[in-house]
Each structure stands twice: as C-alpha cells, then as structure tokens.
C-alpha cells in the first residue's frame, strides 16, 4: 500500500517540481513543444518511463501542448510515486 501525501507534503514537493501545480487530489504540468511531433515524442518518452515505474499519468494532447496529470488512483490522491514520476517527466522535458 502506498501512503497518501498530506497538503504540506504536496506543497513542499511542488516547490521542488518546476512547472507543476495541484493539491492532494492530483498534480499537473503542461508543456508546449516546438512542434506537434516533438510533443508526441515527449509522450512516447514519458510512456516508456511510466511503464518502467508501473505508474501511468493521464495525458492530454492539444496540438503542441501536452498536459500530464498525476494521481495514484488506487489510493485516491497524490503519493510519492506521483512526485517521483513528475521529477522524471521534468528531466525528459529538460
């Protein structure tokens, strides 16, 4: 079982995660890629990392804007898994 993070823990994590916002129910970041295909490539890279972690974000693609939403659905909110994957997504975004 994964432990839900409290509001203070989520706020502290968001302070360290550039571009991310949210609360205890979920966190998200939108990225504008240079081209549509760059956005699709980013999604593919995130999918690979997510598959390795067995933790999958909700992904919304709107032309060049890709939004990643993270929440541990089985736990009903944000956990350390979400924070870790957000950090990996930031590394991929660069």
C-alpha atoms as a PDB file:
ATOM      1  CA  UNK A   1       0.000   0.000   0.000  1.00  0.00           C
ATOM      2  CA  UNK A   2       1.233   3.471  -0.912  1.00  0.00           C
ATOM      3  CA  UNK A   3       0.733   6.311   1.573  1.00  0.00           C
ATOM      4  CA  UNK A   4      -1.136   9.455   0.549  1.00  0.00           C
ATOM      5  CA  UNK A   5       0.761  12.710   0.966  1.00  0.00           C
ATOM      6  CA  UNK A   6      -0.735  15.465   3.095  1.00  0.00           C
ATOM      7  CA  UNK A   7      -1.216  19.021   1.897  1.00  0.00           C
ATOM      8  CA  UNK A   8       2.078  20.213   3.427  1.00  0.00           C
ATOM      9  CA  UNK A   9       3.981  17.355   1.800  1.00  0.00           C
ATOM     10  CA  UNK A  10       2.393  18.035  -1.590  1.00  0.00           C
ATOM     11  CA  UNK A  11       3.164  21.763  -1.273  1.00  0.00           C
ATOM     12  CA  UNK A  12       6.793  21.007  -0.420  1.00  0.00           C
ATOM     13  CA  UNK A  13       7.078  18.638  -3.389  1.00  0.00           C
ATOM     14  CA  UNK A  14       5.536  21.199  -5.744  1.00  0.00           C
ATOM     15  CA  UNK A  15       8.079  23.792  -4.581  1.00  0.00           C
ATOM     16  CA  UNK A  16      10.804  21.468  -5.926  1.00  0.00           C
ATOM     17  CA  UNK A  17       8.990  20.488  -9.144  1.00  0.00           C
ATOM     18  CA  UNK A  18       9.334  23.244 -11.736  1.00  0.00           C
ATOM     19  CA  UNK A  19       6.126  23.837 -13.677  1.00  0.00           C
ATOM     20  CA  UNK A  20       3.892  21.588 -11.585  1.00  0.00           C
ATOM     21  CA  UNK A  21       0.786  22.663  -9.681  1.00  0.00           C
ATOM     22  CA  UNK A  22      -2.014  20.930  -7.831  1.00  0.00           C
ATOM     23  CA  UNK A  23      -3.117  19.716  -4.451  1.00  0.00           C
ATOM     24  CA  UNK A  24      -3.621  16.456  -2.558  1.00  0.00           C
ATOM     25  CA  UNK A  25      -6.043  15.177  -5.203  1.00  0.00           C
ATOM     26  CA  UNK A  26      -3.554  15.424  -8.089  1.00  0.00           C
ATOM     27  CA  UNK A  27      -0.699  17.363  -9.681  1.00  0.00           C
ATOM     28  CA  UNK A  28      -0.249  18.506 -13.267  1.00  0.00           C
ATOM     29  CA  UNK A  29       2.083  20.211 -15.688  1.00  0.00           C
ATOM     30  CA  UNK A  30       1.519  21.477 -19.207  1.00  0.00           C
ATOM     31  CA  UNK A  31       4.379  21.668 -21.691  1.00  0.00           C
ATOM     32  CA  UNK A  32       4.358  23.404 -25.066  1.00  0.00           C
ATOM     33  CA  UNK A  33       6.517  21.508 -27.540  1.00  0.00           C
ATOM     34  CA  UNK A  34       8.202  23.096 -30.533  1.00  0.00           C
ATOM     35  CA  UNK A  35       6.118  21.048 -32.946  1.00  0.00           C
ATOM     36  CA  UNK A  36       3.283  18.561 -32.760  1.00  0.00           C
ATOM     37  CA  UNK A  37       5.726  15.724 -33.451  1.00  0.00           C
ATOM     38  CA  UNK A  38       8.013  16.926 -30.640  1.00  0.00           C
ATOM     39  CA  UNK A  39       5.021  16.680 -28.302  1.00  0.00           C
ATOM     40  CA  UNK A  40       4.269  13.162 -29.483  1.00  0.00           C
ATOM     41  CA  UNK A  41       7.924  12.167 -28.989  1.00  0.00           C
ATOM     42  CA  UNK A  42       7.783  13.519 -25.436  1.00  0.00           C
ATOM     43  CA  UNK A  43       4.647  11.487 -24.767  1.00  0.00           C
ATOM     44  CA  UNK A  44       6.424   8.368 -26.041  1.00  0.00           C
ATOM     45  CA  UNK A  45       9.413   9.034 -23.767  1.00  0.00           C
ATOM     46  CA  UNK A  46       7.136   9.573 -20.766  1.00  0.00           C
ATOM     47  CA  UNK A  47       5.211   6.412 -21.632  1.00  0.00           C
ATOM     48  CA  UNK A  48       8.446   4.416 -21.549  1.00  0.00           C
ATOM     49  CA  UNK A  49       9.436   5.791 -18.121  1.00  0.00           C
ATOM     50  CA  UNK A  50       5.893   5.322 -16.800  1.00  0.00           C
ATOM     51  CA  UNK A  51       5.810   1.731 -17.984  1.00  0.00           C
ATOM     52  CA  UNK A  52       9.102   1.019 -16.199  1.00  0.00           C
ATOM     53  CA  UNK A  53       7.682   2.521 -13.000  1.00  0.00           C
ATOM     54  CA  UNK A  54       4.316   0.781 -13.465  1.00  0.00           C
ATOM     55  CA  UNK A  55       2.730   4.163 -12.756  1.00  0.00           C
ATOM     56  CA  UNK A  56       0.912   5.940 -15.562  1.00  0.00           C
ATOM     57  CA  UNK A  57      -0.064   9.601 -15.918  1.00  0.00           C
ATOM     58  CA  UNK A  58      -3.195  10.915 -17.558  1.00  0.00           C
ATOM     59  CA  UNK A  59      -2.010  12.639 -20.729  1.00  0.00           C
ATOM     60  CA  UNK A  60      -3.873  15.251 -22.762  1.00  0.00           C
ATOM     61  CA  UNK A  61      -2.503  16.310 -26.155  1.00  0.00           C
ATOM     62  CA  UNK A  62      -3.764  19.536 -27.732  1.00  0.00           C
ATOM     63  CA  UNK A  63      -1.677  20.278 -30.826  1.00  0.00           C
ATOM     64  CA  UNK A  64       1.717  21.263 -29.333  1.00  0.00           C
ATOM     65  CA  UNK A  65       0.546  21.432 -25.699  1.00  0.00           C
ATOM     66  CA  UNK A  66       0.858  18.261 -23.661  1.00  0.00           C
ATOM     67  CA  UNK A  67      -0.590  18.120 -20.144  1.00  0.00           C
ATOM     68  CA  UNK A  68       0.462  15.446 -17.680  1.00  0.00           C
ATOM     69  CA  UNK A  69      -1.760  14.733 -14.658  1.00  0.00           C
ATOM     70  CA  UNK A  70      -0.614  12.511 -11.829  1.00  0.00           C
ATOM     71  CA  UNK A  71      -2.573  10.896  -9.040  1.00  0.00           C
ATOM     72  CA  UNK A  72      -2.385   7.427  -7.560  1.00  0.00           C
ATOM     73  CA  UNK A  73      -5.921   6.389  -8.431  1.00  0.00           C
ATOM     74  CA  UNK A  74      -5.865   3.285  -6.224  1.00  0.00           C
ATOM     75  CA  UNK A  75      -5.087   5.490  -3.206  1.00  0.00           C
ATOM     76  CA  UNK A  76      -7.310   8.434  -4.124  1.00  0.00           C
ATOM     77  CA  UNK A  77      -4.671  11.164  -4.270  1.00  0.00           C
ATOM     78  CA  UNK A  78      -1.010  12.115  -4.529  1.00  0.00           C
ATOM     79  CA  UNK A  79       1.672   9.717  -3.305  1.00  0.00           C
ATOM     80  CA  UNK A  80       5.456   9.565  -3.536  1.00  0.00           C
ATOM     81  CA  UNK A  81       5.011   7.657  -6.814  1.00  0.00           C
ATOM     82  CA  UNK A  82       3.461  10.748  -8.368  1.00  0.00           C
ATOM     83  CA  UNK A  83       6.211  13.035  -7.120  1.00  0.00           C
ATOM     84  CA  UNK A  84       8.891  10.676  -8.426  1.00  0.00           C
ATOM     85  CA  UNK A  85       7.285  10.401 -11.862  1.00  0.00           C
ATOM     86  CA  UNK A  86       6.822  14.192 -12.020  1.00  0.00           C
ATOM     87  CA  UNK A  87      10.572  14.539 -11.434  1.00  0.00           C
ATOM     88  CA  UNK A  88      11.299  12.080 -14.230  1.00  0.00           C
ATOM     89  CA  UNK A  89       8.957  13.951 -16.569  1.00  0.00           C
ATOM     90  CA  UNK A  90      10.797  17.184 -15.744  1.00  0.00           C
ATOM     91  CA  UNK A  91      14.088  15.520 -16.665  1.00  0.00           C
ATOM     92  CA  UNK A  92      12.633  14.492 -20.027  1.00  0.00           C
ATOM     93  CA  UNK A  93      11.222  17.963 -20.668  1.00  0.00           C
ATOM     94  CA  UNK A  94      14.636  19.466 -19.898  1.00  0.00           C
END
